[in-house]
PDB file of all heavy atoms in Angstrom:
ATOM      1  N   PHE A   1      -1.106  13.422  15.577  1.00  0.00           N
ATOM      2  CA  PHE A   1      -0.280  13.693  16.753  1.00  0.00           C
ATOM      3  C   PHE A   1      -0.190  15.193  17.012  1.00  0.00           C
ATOM      4  O   PHE A   1       0.248  15.960  16.174  1.00  0.00           O
ATOM      5  CB  PHE A   1       1.119  13.103  16.525  1.00  0.00           C
ATOM      6  CG  PHE A   1       2.046  13.242  17.696  1.00  0.00           C
ATOM      7  CD1 PHE A   1       1.736  12.667  18.916  1.00  0.00           C
ATOM      8  CD2 PHE A   1       3.225  13.950  17.564  1.00  0.00           C
ATOM      9  CE1 PHE A   1       2.593  12.781  19.992  1.00  0.00           C
ATOM     10  CE2 PHE A   1       4.098  14.076  18.633  1.00  0.00           C
ATOM     11  CZ  PHE A   1       3.779  13.496  19.864  1.00  0.00           C
ATOM     12  N   GLU A   2      -0.685  15.616  18.193  1.00  0.00           N
ATOM     13  CA  GLU A   2      -0.682  17.018  18.599  1.00  0.00           C
ATOM     14  C   GLU A   2      -1.303  17.910  17.526  1.00  0.00           C
ATOM     15  O   GLU A   2      -0.836  19.022  17.268  1.00  0.00           O
ATOM     16  CB  GLU A   2       0.742  17.474  18.944  1.00  0.00           C
ATOM     17  CG  GLU A   2       1.343  16.718  20.123  1.00  0.00           C
ATOM     18  CD  GLU A   2       2.749  17.181  20.467  1.00  0.00           C
ATOM     19  OE1 GLU A   2       3.280  18.068  19.749  1.00  0.00           O
ATOM     20  OE2 GLU A   2       3.328  16.677  21.446  1.00  0.00           O
ATOM     21  N   ASN A   3      -2.349  17.413  16.905  1.00  0.00           N
ATOM     22  CA  ASN A   3      -3.061  18.159  15.872  1.00  0.00           C
ATOM     23  C   ASN A   3      -4.371  18.660  16.455  1.00  0.00           C
ATOM     24  O   ASN A   3      -5.310  17.893  16.651  1.00  0.00           O
ATOM     25  CB  ASN A   3      -3.315  17.276  14.645  1.00  0.00           C
ATOM     26  CG  ASN A   3      -3.823  18.085  13.453  1.00  0.00           C
ATOM     27  OD1 ASN A   3      -4.186  19.243  13.593  1.00  0.00           O
ATOM     28  ND2 ASN A   3      -3.840  17.450  12.291  1.00  0.00           N
ATOM     29  N   ASP A   4      -4.429  19.943  16.686  1.00  0.00           N
ATOM     30  CA  ASP A   4      -5.634  20.544  17.268  1.00  0.00           C
ATOM     31  C   ASP A   4      -6.505  21.189  16.206  1.00  0.00           C
ATOM     32  O   ASP A   4      -7.308  22.073  16.498  1.00  0.00           O
ATOM     33  CB  ASP A   4      -5.251  21.575  18.326  1.00  0.00           C
ATOM     34  CG  ASP A   4      -4.344  22.668  17.756  1.00  0.00           C
ATOM     35  OD1 ASP A   4      -4.021  22.584  16.546  1.00  0.00           O
ATOM     36  OD2 ASP A   4      -3.973  23.589  18.506  1.00  0.00           O
ATOM     37  N   GLY A   5      -6.338  20.753  14.974  1.00  0.00           N
ATOM     38  CA  GLY A   5      -7.065  21.348  13.869  1.00  0.00           C
ATOM     39  C   GLY A   5      -6.241  22.346  13.085  1.00  0.00           C
ATOM     40  O   GLY A   5      -6.691  22.862  12.060  1.00  0.00           O
ATOM     41  N   GLY A   6      -5.027  22.624  13.545  1.00  0.00           N
ATOM     42  CA  GLY A   6      -4.171  23.561  12.847  1.00  0.00           C
ATOM     43  C   GLY A   6      -3.580  22.990  11.579  1.00  0.00           C
ATOM     44  O   GLY A   6      -3.113  23.727  10.719  1.00  0.00           O
ATOM     45  N   ARG A   7      -3.560  21.649  11.453  1.00  0.00           N
ATOM     46  CA  ARG A   7      -3.082  21.001  10.230  1.00  0.00           C
ATOM     47  C   ARG A   7      -4.273  20.311   9.573  1.00  0.00           C
ATOM     48  O   ARG A   7      -4.937  19.470  10.180  1.00  0.00           O
ATOM     49  CB  ARG A   7      -1.987  19.982  10.551  1.00  0.00           C
ATOM     50  CG  ARG A   7      -0.865  20.546  11.402  1.00  0.00           C
ATOM     51  CD  ARG A   7       0.381  19.672  11.432  1.00  0.00           C
ATOM     52  NE  ARG A   7       0.166  18.289  11.793  1.00  0.00           N
ATOM     53  CZ  ARG A   7       0.146  17.826  13.051  1.00  0.00           C
ATOM     54  NH1 ARG A   7       0.286  18.665  14.062  1.00  0.00           N
ATOM     55  NH2 ARG A   7      -0.017  16.544  13.283  1.00  0.00           N
ATOM     56  N   ALA A   8      -4.534  20.670   8.318  1.00  0.00           N
ATOM     57  CA  ALA A   8      -5.733  20.154   7.649  1.00  0.00           C
ATOM     58  C   ALA A   8      -5.673  18.648   7.476  1.00  0.00           C
ATOM     59  O   ALA A   8      -6.698  17.957   7.562  1.00  0.00           O
ATOM     60  CB  ALA A   8      -5.906  20.833   6.288  1.00  0.00           C
ATOM     61  N   PHE A   9      -4.468  18.107   7.237  1.00  0.00           N
ATOM     62  CA  PHE A   9      -4.352  16.669   7.021  1.00  0.00           C
ATOM     63  C   PHE A   9      -4.389  15.948   8.360  1.00  0.00           C
ATOM     64  O   PHE A   9      -3.461  16.039   9.164  1.00  0.00           O
ATOM     65  CB  PHE A   9      -3.061  16.337   6.282  1.00  0.00           C
ATOM     66  CG  PHE A   9      -2.884  14.864   6.036  1.00  0.00           C
ATOM     67  CD1 PHE A   9      -3.732  14.180   5.182  1.00  0.00           C
ATOM     68  CD2 PHE A   9      -1.884  14.155   6.681  1.00  0.00           C
ATOM     69  CE1 PHE A   9      -3.579  12.819   4.961  1.00  0.00           C
ATOM     70  CE2 PHE A   9      -1.721  12.799   6.464  1.00  0.00           C
ATOM     71  CZ  PHE A   9      -2.570  12.124   5.606  1.00  0.00           C
ATOM     72  N   ASP A  10      -5.474  15.223   8.597  1.00  0.00           N
ATOM     73  CA  ASP A  10      -5.649  14.487   9.847  1.00  0.00           C
ATOM     74  C   ASP A  10      -6.500  13.257   9.537  1.00  0.00           C
ATOM     75  O   ASP A  10      -7.687  13.370   9.224  1.00  0.00           O
ATOM     76  CB  ASP A  10      -6.344  15.366  10.888  1.00  0.00           C
ATOM     77  CG  ASP A  10      -6.505  14.672  12.245  1.00  0.00           C
ATOM     78  OD1 ASP A  10      -6.307  13.436  12.319  1.00  0.00           O
ATOM     79  OD2 ASP A  10      -6.843  15.358  13.214  1.00  0.00           O
ATOM     80  N   ILE A  11      -5.875  12.067   9.606  1.00  0.00           N
ATOM     81  CA  ILE A  11      -6.615  10.824   9.394  1.00  0.00           C
ATOM     82  C   ILE A  11      -6.489   9.943  10.635  1.00  0.00           C
ATOM     83  O   ILE A  11      -6.349   8.730  10.562  1.00  0.00           O
ATOM     84  CB  ILE A  11      -6.142  10.078   8.125  1.00  0.00           C
ATOM     85  CG1 ILE A  11      -4.635   9.821   8.149  1.00  0.00           C
ATOM     86  CG2 ILE A  11      -6.527  10.848   6.873  1.00  0.00           C
ATOM     87  CD1 ILE A  11      -4.157   8.919   7.007  1.00  0.00           C
ATOM     88  N   GLY A  12      -6.562  10.596  11.802  1.00  0.00           N
ATOM     89  CA  GLY A  12      -6.412   9.890  13.071  1.00  0.00           C
ATOM     90  C   GLY A  12      -7.429   8.787  13.273  1.00  0.00           C
ATOM     91  O   GLY A  12      -7.154   7.806  13.975  1.00  0.00           O
ATOM     92  N   ALA A  13      -8.616   8.914  12.658  1.00  0.00           N
ATOM     93  CA  ALA A  13      -9.640   7.881  12.818  1.00  0.00           C
ATOM     94  C   ALA A  13      -9.214   6.557  12.194  1.00  0.00           C
ATOM     95  O   ALA A  13      -9.804   5.509  12.507  1.00  0.00           O
ATOM     96  CB  ALA A  13     -10.949   8.350  12.196  1.00  0.00           C
ATOM     97  N   LEU A  14      -8.196   6.582  11.317  1.00  0.00           N
ATOM     98  CA  LEU A  14      -7.748   5.365  10.642  1.00  0.00           C
ATOM     99  C   LEU A  14      -6.501   4.776  11.284  1.00  0.00           C
ATOM    100  O   LEU A  14      -5.967   3.770  10.801  1.00  0.00           O
ATOM    101  CB  LEU A  14      -7.465   5.666   9.160  1.00  0.00           C
ATOM    102  CG  LEU A  14      -8.585   6.376   8.391  1.00  0.00           C
ATOM    103  CD1 LEU A  14      -8.147   6.648   6.954  1.00  0.00           C
ATOM    104  CD2 LEU A  14      -9.865   5.565   8.424  1.00  0.00           C
ATOM    105  N   ALA A  15      -6.031   5.380  12.375  1.00  0.00           N
ATOM    106  CA  ALA A  15      -4.776   4.943  12.984  1.00  0.00           C
ATOM    107  C   ALA A  15      -4.903   3.602  13.696  1.00  0.00           C
ATOM    108  O   ALA A  15      -3.888   2.950  13.967  1.00  0.00           O
ATOM    109  CB  ALA A  15      -4.272   5.997  13.965  1.00  0.00           C
ATOM    110  N   GLY A  16      -6.124   3.166  14.005  1.00  0.00           N
ATOM    111  CA  GLY A  16      -6.297   1.916  14.736  1.00  0.00           C
ATOM    112  C   GLY A  16      -6.711   0.736  13.871  1.00  0.00           C
ATOM    113  O   GLY A  16      -7.085  -0.320  14.403  1.00  0.00           O
ATOM    114  N   LEU A  17      -6.628   0.879  12.540  1.00  0.00           N
ATOM    115  CA  LEU A  17      -7.066  -0.203  11.663  1.00  0.00           C
ATOM    116  C   LEU A  17      -6.149  -1.414  11.784  1.00  0.00           C
ATOM    117  O   LEU A  17      -4.927  -1.303  11.605  1.00  0.00           O
ATOM    118  CB  LEU A  17      -7.071   0.265  10.205  1.00  0.00           C
ATOM    119  CG  LEU A  17      -8.008   1.419   9.821  1.00  0.00           C
ATOM    120  CD1 LEU A  17      -7.867   1.727   8.336  1.00  0.00           C
ATOM    121  CD2 LEU A  17      -9.445   1.097  10.168  1.00  0.00           C
ATOM    122  N   ASP A  18      -6.732  -2.582  12.089  1.00  0.00           N
ATOM    123  CA  ASP A  18      -5.922  -3.795  12.031  1.00  0.00           C
ATOM    124  C   ASP A  18      -5.841  -4.265  10.572  1.00  0.00           C
ATOM    125  O   ASP A  18      -6.399  -3.635   9.671  1.00  0.00           O
ATOM    126  CB  ASP A  18      -6.482  -4.888  12.933  1.00  0.00           C
ATOM    127  CG  ASP A  18      -7.925  -5.273  12.595  1.00  0.00           C
ATOM    128  OD1 ASP A  18      -8.377  -4.987  11.457  1.00  0.00           O
ATOM    129  OD2 ASP A  18      -8.609  -5.850  13.459  1.00  0.00           O
ATOM    130  N   ARG A  19      -5.143  -5.365  10.354  1.00  0.00           N
ATOM    131  CA  ARG A  19      -4.935  -5.794   8.974  1.00  0.00           C
ATOM    132  C   ARG A  19      -6.259  -6.064   8.265  1.00  0.00           C
ATOM    133  O   ARG A  19      -6.443  -5.689   7.102  1.00  0.00           O
ATOM    134  CB  ARG A  19      -4.070  -7.072   8.964  1.00  0.00           C
ATOM    135  CG  ARG A  19      -3.806  -7.628   7.576  1.00  0.00           C
ATOM    136  CD  ARG A  19      -2.877  -6.750   6.769  1.00  0.00           C
ATOM    137  NE  ARG A  19      -3.084  -6.863   5.345  1.00  0.00           N
ATOM    138  CZ  ARG A  19      -2.167  -6.624   4.428  1.00  0.00           C
ATOM    139  NH1 ARG A  19      -0.958  -6.241   4.788  1.00  0.00           N
ATOM    140  NH2 ARG A  19      -2.421  -6.733   3.142  1.00  0.00           N
ATOM    141  N   GLU A  20      -7.192  -6.678   8.950  1.00  0.00           N
ATOM    142  CA  GLU A  20      -8.476  -7.006   8.322  1.00  0.00           C
ATOM    143  C   GLU A  20      -9.251  -5.744   7.971  1.00  0.00           C
ATOM    144  O   GLU A  20      -9.802  -5.621   6.868  1.00  0.00           O
ATOM    145  CB  GLU A  20      -9.294  -7.884   9.266  1.00  0.00           C
ATOM    146  CG  GLU A  20     -10.616  -8.347   8.679  1.00  0.00           C
ATOM    147  CD  GLU A  20     -11.380  -9.275   9.610  1.00  0.00           C
ATOM    148  OE1 GLU A  20     -10.794  -9.715  10.622  1.00  0.00           O
ATOM    149  OE2 GLU A  20     -12.561  -9.555   9.326  1.00  0.00           O
ATOM    150  N   ALA A  21      -9.264  -4.773   8.893  1.00  0.00           N
ATOM    151  CA  ALA A  21      -9.983  -3.526   8.631  1.00  0.00           C
ATOM    152  C   ALA A  21      -9.288  -2.716   7.535  1.00  0.00           C
ATOM    153  O   ALA A  21      -9.952  -2.056   6.723  1.00  0.00           O
ATOM    154  CB  ALA A  21     -10.091  -2.708   9.909  1.00  0.00           C
ATOM    155  N   TYR A  22      -7.962  -2.769   7.522  1.00  0.00           N
ATOM    156  CA  TYR A  22      -7.207  -2.069   6.479  1.00  0.00           C
ATOM    157  C   TYR A  22      -7.516  -2.671   5.111  1.00  0.00           C
ATOM    158  O   TYR A  22      -7.733  -1.949   4.138  1.00  0.00           O
ATOM    159  CB  TYR A  22      -5.717  -2.174   6.794  1.00  0.00           C
ATOM    160  CG  TYR A  22      -4.804  -1.576   5.745  1.00  0.00           C
ATOM    161  CD1 TYR A  22      -4.644  -0.197   5.632  1.00  0.00           C
ATOM    162  CD2 TYR A  22      -4.096  -2.404   4.880  1.00  0.00           C
ATOM    163  CE1 TYR A  22      -3.789   0.340   4.669  1.00  0.00           C
ATOM    164  CE2 TYR A  22      -3.242  -1.876   3.918  1.00  0.00           C
ATOM    165  CZ  TYR A  22      -3.097  -0.498   3.820  1.00  0.00           C
ATOM    166  OH  TYR A  22      -2.260   0.016   2.867  1.00  0.00           O
ATOM    167  N   ASP A  23      -7.566  -3.990   5.024  1.00  0.00           N
ATOM    168  CA  ASP A  23      -7.867  -4.642   3.754  1.00  0.00           C
ATOM    169  C   ASP A  23      -9.260  -4.259   3.250  1.00  0.00           C
ATOM    170  O   ASP A  23      -9.481  -4.172   2.046  1.00  0.00           O
ATOM    171  CB  ASP A  23      -7.776  -6.156   3.904  1.00  0.00           C
ATOM    172  CG  ASP A  23      -6.341  -6.647   3.934  1.00  0.00           C
ATOM    173  OD1 ASP A  23      -5.452  -5.889   3.494  1.00  0.00           O
ATOM    174  OD2 ASP A  23      -6.097  -7.768   4.414  1.00  0.00           O
ATOM    175  N   ALA A  24     -10.185  -4.018   4.178  1.00  0.00           N
ATOM    176  CA  ALA A  24     -11.566  -3.714   3.804  1.00  0.00           C
ATOM    177  C   ALA A  24     -11.840  -2.216   3.711  1.00  0.00           C
ATOM    178  O   ALA A  24     -12.989  -1.816   3.531  1.00  0.00           O
ATOM    179  CB  ALA A  24     -12.518  -4.342   4.833  1.00  0.00           C
ATOM    180  N   LEU A  25     -10.795  -1.391   3.826  1.00  0.00           N
ATOM    181  CA  LEU A  25     -10.977   0.062   3.842  1.00  0.00           C
ATOM    182  C   LEU A  25     -11.697   0.542   2.586  1.00  0.00           C
ATOM    183  O   LEU A  25     -11.280   0.257   1.457  1.00  0.00           O
ATOM    184  CB  LEU A  25      -9.614   0.750   3.958  1.00  0.00           C
ATOM    185  CG  LEU A  25      -9.619   2.282   3.978  1.00  0.00           C
ATOM    186  CD1 LEU A  25     -10.300   2.801   5.232  1.00  0.00           C
ATOM    187  CD2 LEU A  25      -8.200   2.821   3.879  1.00  0.00           C
ATOM    188  N   GLU A  26     -12.782   1.286   2.766  1.00  0.00           N
ATOM    189  CA  GLU A  26     -13.509   1.889   1.657  1.00  0.00           C
ATOM    190  C   GLU A  26     -12.884   3.244   1.313  1.00  0.00           C
ATOM    191  O   GLU A  26     -12.288   3.891   2.175  1.00  0.00           O
ATOM    192  CB  GLU A  26     -14.977   2.081   2.035  1.00  0.00           C
ATOM    193  CG  GLU A  26     -15.745   0.793   2.270  1.00  0.00           C
ATOM    194  CD  GLU A  26     -16.024   0.055   0.973  1.00  0.00           C
ATOM    195  OE1 GLU A  26     -16.130   0.731  -0.076  1.00  0.00           O
ATOM    196  OE2 GLU A  26     -16.131  -1.174   1.003  1.00  0.00           O
ATOM    197  N   PRO A  27     -13.003   3.684   0.078  1.00  0.00           N
ATOM    198  CA  PRO A  27     -12.473   4.999  -0.269  1.00  0.00           C
ATOM    199  C   PRO A  27     -13.029   6.094   0.642  1.00  0.00           C
ATOM    200  O   PRO A  27     -14.232   6.135   0.907  1.00  0.00           O
ATOM    201  CB  PRO A  27     -12.927   5.195  -1.719  1.00  0.00           C
ATOM    202  CG  PRO A  27     -13.061   3.802  -2.248  1.00  0.00           C
ATOM    203  CD  PRO A  27     -13.562   2.984  -1.099  1.00  0.00           C
ATOM    204  N   VAL A  28     -12.139   6.971   1.117  1.00  0.00           N
ATOM    205  CA  VAL A  28     -12.551   8.012   2.063  1.00  0.00           C
ATOM    206  C   VAL A  28     -11.716   9.263   1.809  1.00  0.00           C
ATOM    207  O   VAL A  28     -10.545   9.188   1.456  1.00  0.00           O
ATOM    208  CB  VAL A  28     -12.374   7.523   3.522  1.00  0.00           C
ATOM    209  CG1 VAL A  28     -10.909   7.202   3.828  1.00  0.00           C
ATOM    210  CG2 VAL A  28     -12.917   8.530   4.522  1.00  0.00           C
ATOM    211  N   GLN A  29     -12.344  10.433   1.973  1.00  0.00           N
ATOM    212  CA  GLN A  29     -11.656  11.694   1.751  1.00  0.00           C
ATOM    213  C   GLN A  29     -11.147  12.259   3.077  1.00  0.00           C
ATOM    214  O   GLN A  29     -11.892  12.382   4.034  1.00  0.00           O
ATOM    215  CB  GLN A  29     -12.601  12.715   1.097  1.00  0.00           C
ATOM    216  CG  GLN A  29     -12.906  12.427  -0.370  1.00  0.00           C
ATOM    217  CD  GLN A  29     -13.914  13.393  -0.933  1.00  0.00           C
ATOM    218  OE1 GLN A  29     -15.111  13.253  -0.702  1.00  0.00           O
ATOM    219  NE2 GLN A  29     -13.447  14.388  -1.700  1.00  0.00           N
TER     220      GLN A  29
END
């Protein structure tokens, strides 16, 4: 949210995971 790269912690690509995709989430950095 309102992260233009100024905050290193950003996992926005995972914000849309439904339950099935969340259950299947592979380890990611």
